[in-house]
Protein backbone atom coordinates (compact mmCIF):
# COMPACT_ATOMS: atom_id res chain seq x y z
CA MET A 1 -0.09 -0.10 0.08
CA PHE A 2 3.07 2.32 0.27
CA ARG A 3 4.45 1.30 -3.11
CA ARG A 4 4.27 4.90 -4.88
CA LYS A 5 5.96 6.68 -2.00
CA LEU A 6 8.51 4.00 -1.54
CA ALA A 7 9.35 4.13 -5.24
CA ALA A 8 9.58 7.98 -5.09
CA LEU A 9 12.18 7.45 -2.35
CA ASP A 10 14.22 5.01 -4.20
CA TYR A 11 13.52 2.14 -1.56
CA HIS A 12 15.06 -1.05 -2.93
CA ASN A 13 11.98 -2.98 -2.45
CA PRO A 14 8.79 -0.87 -3.07
CA GLY A 15 6.58 -3.65 -4.12
CA GLY A 16 7.40 -6.16 -1.44
CA PHE A 17 7.65 -4.12 1.69
CA SER A 18 5.54 -5.11 4.64
CA CYS A 19 5.33 -3.46 7.85
CA ARG A 20 4.05 -6.47 9.56
CA ASP A 21 7.48 -8.10 9.33
CA GLU A 22 9.28 -6.79 12.45
CA THR A 23 12.71 -7.12 11.13
CA GLU A 24 11.84 -5.54 7.93
CA PHE A 25 10.07 -2.75 9.55
CA ARG A 26 12.95 -1.93 11.92
CA ASN A 27 15.41 -1.97 9.10
CA PHE A 28 13.08 0.42 7.05
CA ILE A 29 12.87 2.88 9.99
CA VAL A 30 16.60 2.98 10.21
CA TRP A 31 16.97 3.37 6.46
CA LEU A 32 14.29 6.06 6.39
CA GLU A 33 16.00 8.07 9.11
CA ASP A 34 19.50 7.50 7.85
CA GLN A 35 18.78 8.33 4.16
CA LYS A 36 15.82 10.62 4.02
CA ILE A 37 14.58 12.25 7.24
CA ARG A 38 17.92 12.70 9.09
CA HIS A 39 16.34 14.11 12.13
CA TYR A 40 18.92 12.95 14.53
CA LYS A 41 22.50 13.70 14.22
CA ILE A 42 24.52 10.58 13.14
CA GLU A 43 26.01 10.00 16.70
CA ASP A 44 22.61 10.01 18.09
CA ARG A 45 21.07 7.17 16.02
CA GLY A 46 22.54 4.33 17.91
CA ASN A 47 19.45 3.20 19.65
CA LEU A 48 17.38 3.31 16.60
CA ARG A 49 20.13 1.45 14.61
CA ASN A 50 20.25 -1.29 17.27
CA ILE A 51 17.17 -3.17 15.89
CA HIS A 52 17.91 -6.46 17.75
CA SER A 53 17.64 -4.74 21.12
CA ASP A 54 14.64 -5.23 23.37
CA ASP A 55 14.67 -1.47 23.98
CA TRP A 56 14.10 -0.83 20.44
CA PRO A 57 10.27 -0.08 20.73
CA LYS A 58 11.10 2.52 23.22
CA ALA A 59 13.75 4.13 20.94
CA PHE A 60 11.30 4.12 18.24
CA GLU A 61 8.40 5.66 20.25
CA LYS A 62 10.87 8.45 21.24
CA TYR A 63 11.67 8.93 17.78
CA MET A 64 8.07 9.34 16.80
CA LYS A 65 7.58 11.98 19.48
CA ASP A 66 10.77 13.82 18.31
CA VAL A 67 9.46 14.04 14.77
CA ASN A 68 5.97 15.08 16.04
CA CYS A 69 4.22 11.97 14.59
CA PRO A 70 0.52 12.16 15.66
CA PHE A 71 0.11 8.42 15.81
CA LYS A 72 0.77 5.90 18.50
CA ILE A 73 3.29 3.08 18.00
CA GLN A 74 0.25 0.57 17.67
CA GLU A 75 -0.95 2.39 14.75
CA ARG A 76 1.80 1.02 12.33
CA GLN A 77 0.34 1.55 8.95
CA GLU A 78 -0.73 5.07 9.71
CA THR A 79 2.76 5.81 11.23
CA VAL A 80 4.55 4.47 8.19
CA ASP A 81 2.49 6.43 5.80
CA TRP A 82 2.87 9.56 7.99
CA LEU A 83 6.87 9.03 7.93
CA LEU A 84 6.90 8.37 4.24
CA GLY A 85 4.92 11.65 3.63
CA LEU A 86 7.33 13.50 5.92
CA ALA A 87 10.37 11.73 3.89
CA VAL A 88 8.78 12.92 0.58
CA ARG A 89 8.51 16.39 1.78
CA LEU A 90 12.01 16.62 2.75
CA GLU A 91 13.16 15.03 -0.24
CA TYR A 92 11.49 17.55 -2.23
CA GLY A 93 12.97 20.43 -0.11
CA ASP A 94 16.35 19.17 -0.74
CA ASN A 95 15.90 18.82 -4.41
CA ALA A 96 13.36 21.54 -5.04
CA ASP A 97 15.21 22.82 -8.12
CA LYS A 98 15.22 19.48 -9.64
CA TYR A 99 11.44 18.87 -9.26
CA LYS A 100 10.08 22.44 -9.62
CA ASP A 101 9.77 22.27 -13.38
CA SER A 102 8.74 18.65 -13.72
CA THR A 103 5.22 17.75 -14.90
CA PRO A 104 3.25 14.39 -14.54
CA ASP A 105 2.92 12.06 -17.49
CA GLY A 106 0.19 13.30 -19.80
CA ALA A 107 -0.30 16.57 -18.09
CA LYS A 108 0.59 18.56 -21.26
CA ASN A 109 -2.25 16.80 -23.10
CA THR A 110 -4.88 17.47 -20.40
CA ASP A 111 -7.61 19.97 -21.67
CA ASN A 112 -9.02 22.86 -19.56
CA THR A 113 -12.22 20.92 -18.89
CA ALA A 114 -10.28 18.22 -16.83
CA LYS A 115 -8.36 20.98 -14.95
CA ASN A 116 -11.61 22.78 -13.78
CA ALA A 117 -13.30 19.46 -12.99
CA GLU A 118 -14.15 18.70 -9.29
CA PRO A 119 -10.78 17.23 -7.78
CA LEU A 120 -12.41 14.51 -5.63
CA ILE A 121 -14.21 12.86 -8.74
CA ASN A 122 -11.41 10.77 -9.90
CA LEU A 123 -9.89 9.55 -6.66
CA ASP A 124 -9.79 5.88 -5.87
CA VAL A 125 -11.66 5.70 -2.59
CA ASN A 126 -10.77 2.11 -2.02
CA ASN A 127 -7.04 2.59 -2.50
CA PRO A 128 -5.33 1.76 0.93
CA ASP A 129 -2.96 4.82 0.37
CA PHE A 130 -5.93 6.94 0.09
CA LYS A 131 -7.37 5.70 3.25
CA ALA A 132 -4.27 5.87 5.17
CA GLY A 133 -3.66 9.49 4.09
CA VAL A 134 -7.24 10.44 4.87
CA MET A 135 -7.02 9.04 8.34
CA ALA A 136 -3.77 10.58 9.12
CA LEU A 137 -5.23 14.00 8.08
CA ALA A 138 -8.36 13.58 10.00
CA ASN A 139 -6.44 12.47 13.15
CA LEU A 140 -4.04 15.48 12.78
CA LEU A 141 -6.96 17.99 12.23
CA GLN A 142 -9.13 16.16 15.04
CA ILE A 143 -12.00 15.60 12.53
CA GLN A 144 -14.67 12.97 13.49
CA ARG A 145 -14.10 9.53 11.83
CA HIS A 146 -16.47 8.55 9.18
CA ASP A 147 -17.08 5.17 7.24
CA ASP A 148 -17.03 6.91 3.98
CA TYR A 149 -13.46 8.31 3.52
CA LEU A 150 -14.63 10.75 0.71
CA VAL A 151 -16.82 12.51 3.30
CA MET A 152 -14.05 12.67 5.55
CA LEU A 153 -11.73 14.19 2.87
CA LYS A 154 -14.48 16.83 1.99
CA ALA A 155 -14.67 17.74 5.73
CA ILE A 156 -10.86 18.29 5.71
CA ARG A 157 -11.21 20.47 2.52
CA ILE A 158 -13.79 22.65 4.16
CA LEU A 159 -11.84 22.92 7.45
CA VAL A 160 -8.71 23.96 5.41
CA GLN A 161 -10.61 26.36 3.40
CA GLU A 162 -12.39 28.11 6.35
CA ARG A 163 -9.65 27.75 9.02
CA LEU A 164 -6.38 27.37 7.59
CA THR A 165 -6.13 30.05 4.71
CA GLN A 166 -3.88 33.04 5.30
CA ASP A 167 -6.96 35.31 5.57
CA ALA A 168 -8.54 33.02 8.19
CA ILE A 169 -5.56 32.75 10.22
CA ALA A 170 -4.84 36.54 10.01
CA LYS A 171 -8.52 37.22 11.19
CA ALA A 172 -8.21 34.63 14.22
CA ASN A 173 -5.03 36.48 15.31
CA GLN A 174 -6.52 39.72 15.52
CA SER A 175 -7.28 40.68 19.12
CA LYS A 176 -10.38 42.19 19.96
CA GLU A 177 -9.94 45.15 22.43
CA GLY A 178 -13.09 45.95 24.53
CA LEU A 179 -13.93 48.77 26.83
CA PRO A 180 -13.40 48.17 30.60
CA VAL A 181 -16.54 47.61 32.59
CA ALA A 182 -17.15 48.56 36.33
CA LEU A 183 -18.90 45.48 37.64
CA GLU A 184 -19.92 47.22 40.82
CA LYS A 185 -22.22 49.53 38.74
CA HIS A 186 -24.20 46.67 37.51
CA ILE A 187 -26.75 45.09 39.91
CA LEU A 188 -26.88 41.16 39.83
CA GLY A 189 -30.37 40.82 41.26
CA PHE A 190 -29.52 37.94 43.63
CA ASP A 191 -26.75 36.90 45.81
CA THR A 192 -25.12 33.50 45.89
CA GLY A 193 -23.10 34.26 49.14
CA ASP A 194 -19.78 34.04 47.46
CA ALA A 195 -18.21 37.21 46.21
CA VAL A 196 -16.29 35.34 43.51
CA ILE A 197 -19.40 33.53 42.06
CA ASN A 198 -21.27 36.82 42.36
CA GLU A 199 -18.51 38.41 40.06
CA ALA A 200 -18.61 35.54 37.60
CA ALA A 201 -22.45 35.79 37.37
CA GLN A 202 -22.24 39.57 36.42
CA ILE A 203 -19.70 38.74 33.76
CA LEU A 204 -21.91 36.08 32.38
CA ARG A 205 -24.92 38.26 32.33
CA LEU A 206 -23.05 41.11 30.62
CA LEU A 207 -21.81 38.62 27.80
CA HIS A 208 -25.39 37.17 27.47
CA ILE A 209 -26.67 40.91 27.09
CA GLU A 210 -23.89 41.50 24.41
CA GLU A 211 -25.01 38.43 22.48
CA LEU A 212 -28.67 39.57 22.65
CA ARG A 213 -27.69 42.80 21.36
CA GLU A 214 -25.89 41.21 18.39
CA LEU A 215 -28.98 39.15 17.71
CA GLN A 216 -31.23 42.21 17.88
CA THR A 217 -28.93 43.97 15.28
CA LYS A 218 -29.33 41.14 12.97
CA ILE A 219 -33.12 40.88 13.35
CA ASN A 220 -33.22 44.74 12.63
CA GLU A 221 -31.22 44.42 9.51
CA ALA A 222 -33.39 41.74 8.25
CA ILE A 223 -36.64 43.70 9.08
CA VAL A 224 -35.06 46.66 7.17
CA ALA A 225 -34.26 44.41 4.09
CA VAL A 226 -37.86 43.14 3.95
CA GLN A 227 -39.31 46.45 4.30
CA ALA A 228 -37.18 47.78 1.43
CA ILE A 229 -38.58 44.98 -0.81
CA ILE A 230 -42.23 45.54 0.42
CA ALA A 231 -42.01 49.32 0.02
CA ASP A 232 -40.76 49.26 -3.54
CA PRO A 233 -43.03 46.53 -5.36
CA LYS A 234 -42.54 46.13 -8.98
CA THR A 235 -45.75 46.52 -11.12
CA ASP A 236 -46.30 44.37 -14.04
CA HIS A 237 -48.24 46.63 -16.30
CA ARG A 238 -49.21 43.76 -18.62
CA LEU A 239 -51.70 42.79 -15.83
CA GLY A 240 -53.41 46.24 -16.04
CA LYS A 241 -56.90 46.83 -17.40
CA VAL A 242 -58.68 49.86 -18.73
CA GLY A 243 -62.50 49.91 -18.08
CA ARG A 244 -64.41 46.78 -17.18
């Protein structure tokens, strides 16, 4: 299920790799770190390279934390897919000049209709690589899992478009400055017997009033819009009659 990414990274056996084989899996992790990811300095890779040690799982778990892998050590397929994705990104970064002008096979013959088509239509939703990638993104973005991977992918796209664009991030980072409020000037109307709770209740009441004001403003805008339509009706002169 990882054949394409392994082939892109020039792995020696992209078609026969199995992450269920413990020895092959450990050797693969060592190869990935030594040749592609290179997160550790060479002298710090000893524990990871000692694949026959009983402590290797602990060393690998530490490695996953160090590279910020979002999966647990038990989620092996998802972990491998995530590490391969990281390696591909790093490989591209190291050879950006080599790949920036490359085009996929057949891309030059693609017409404008295909370019403007819905990008999710041609996906193979039964492909194991596709499922692992969607699951990795869903876990990273904390999106609810769904039996339909295409539904999850659409949810991911909506989240990215609404929350992770440059404009959305800039808007979220803008601090809202309000005016200071003297709580002692606002009567709560009841007493809980605790000064701290009383103050918290006053704050909640003021926030609720602010929400009601925003709602009233929106209602007023809707009323004005409706009145504008009613006050300026369009007459269809074709329906008019002269005489009886």
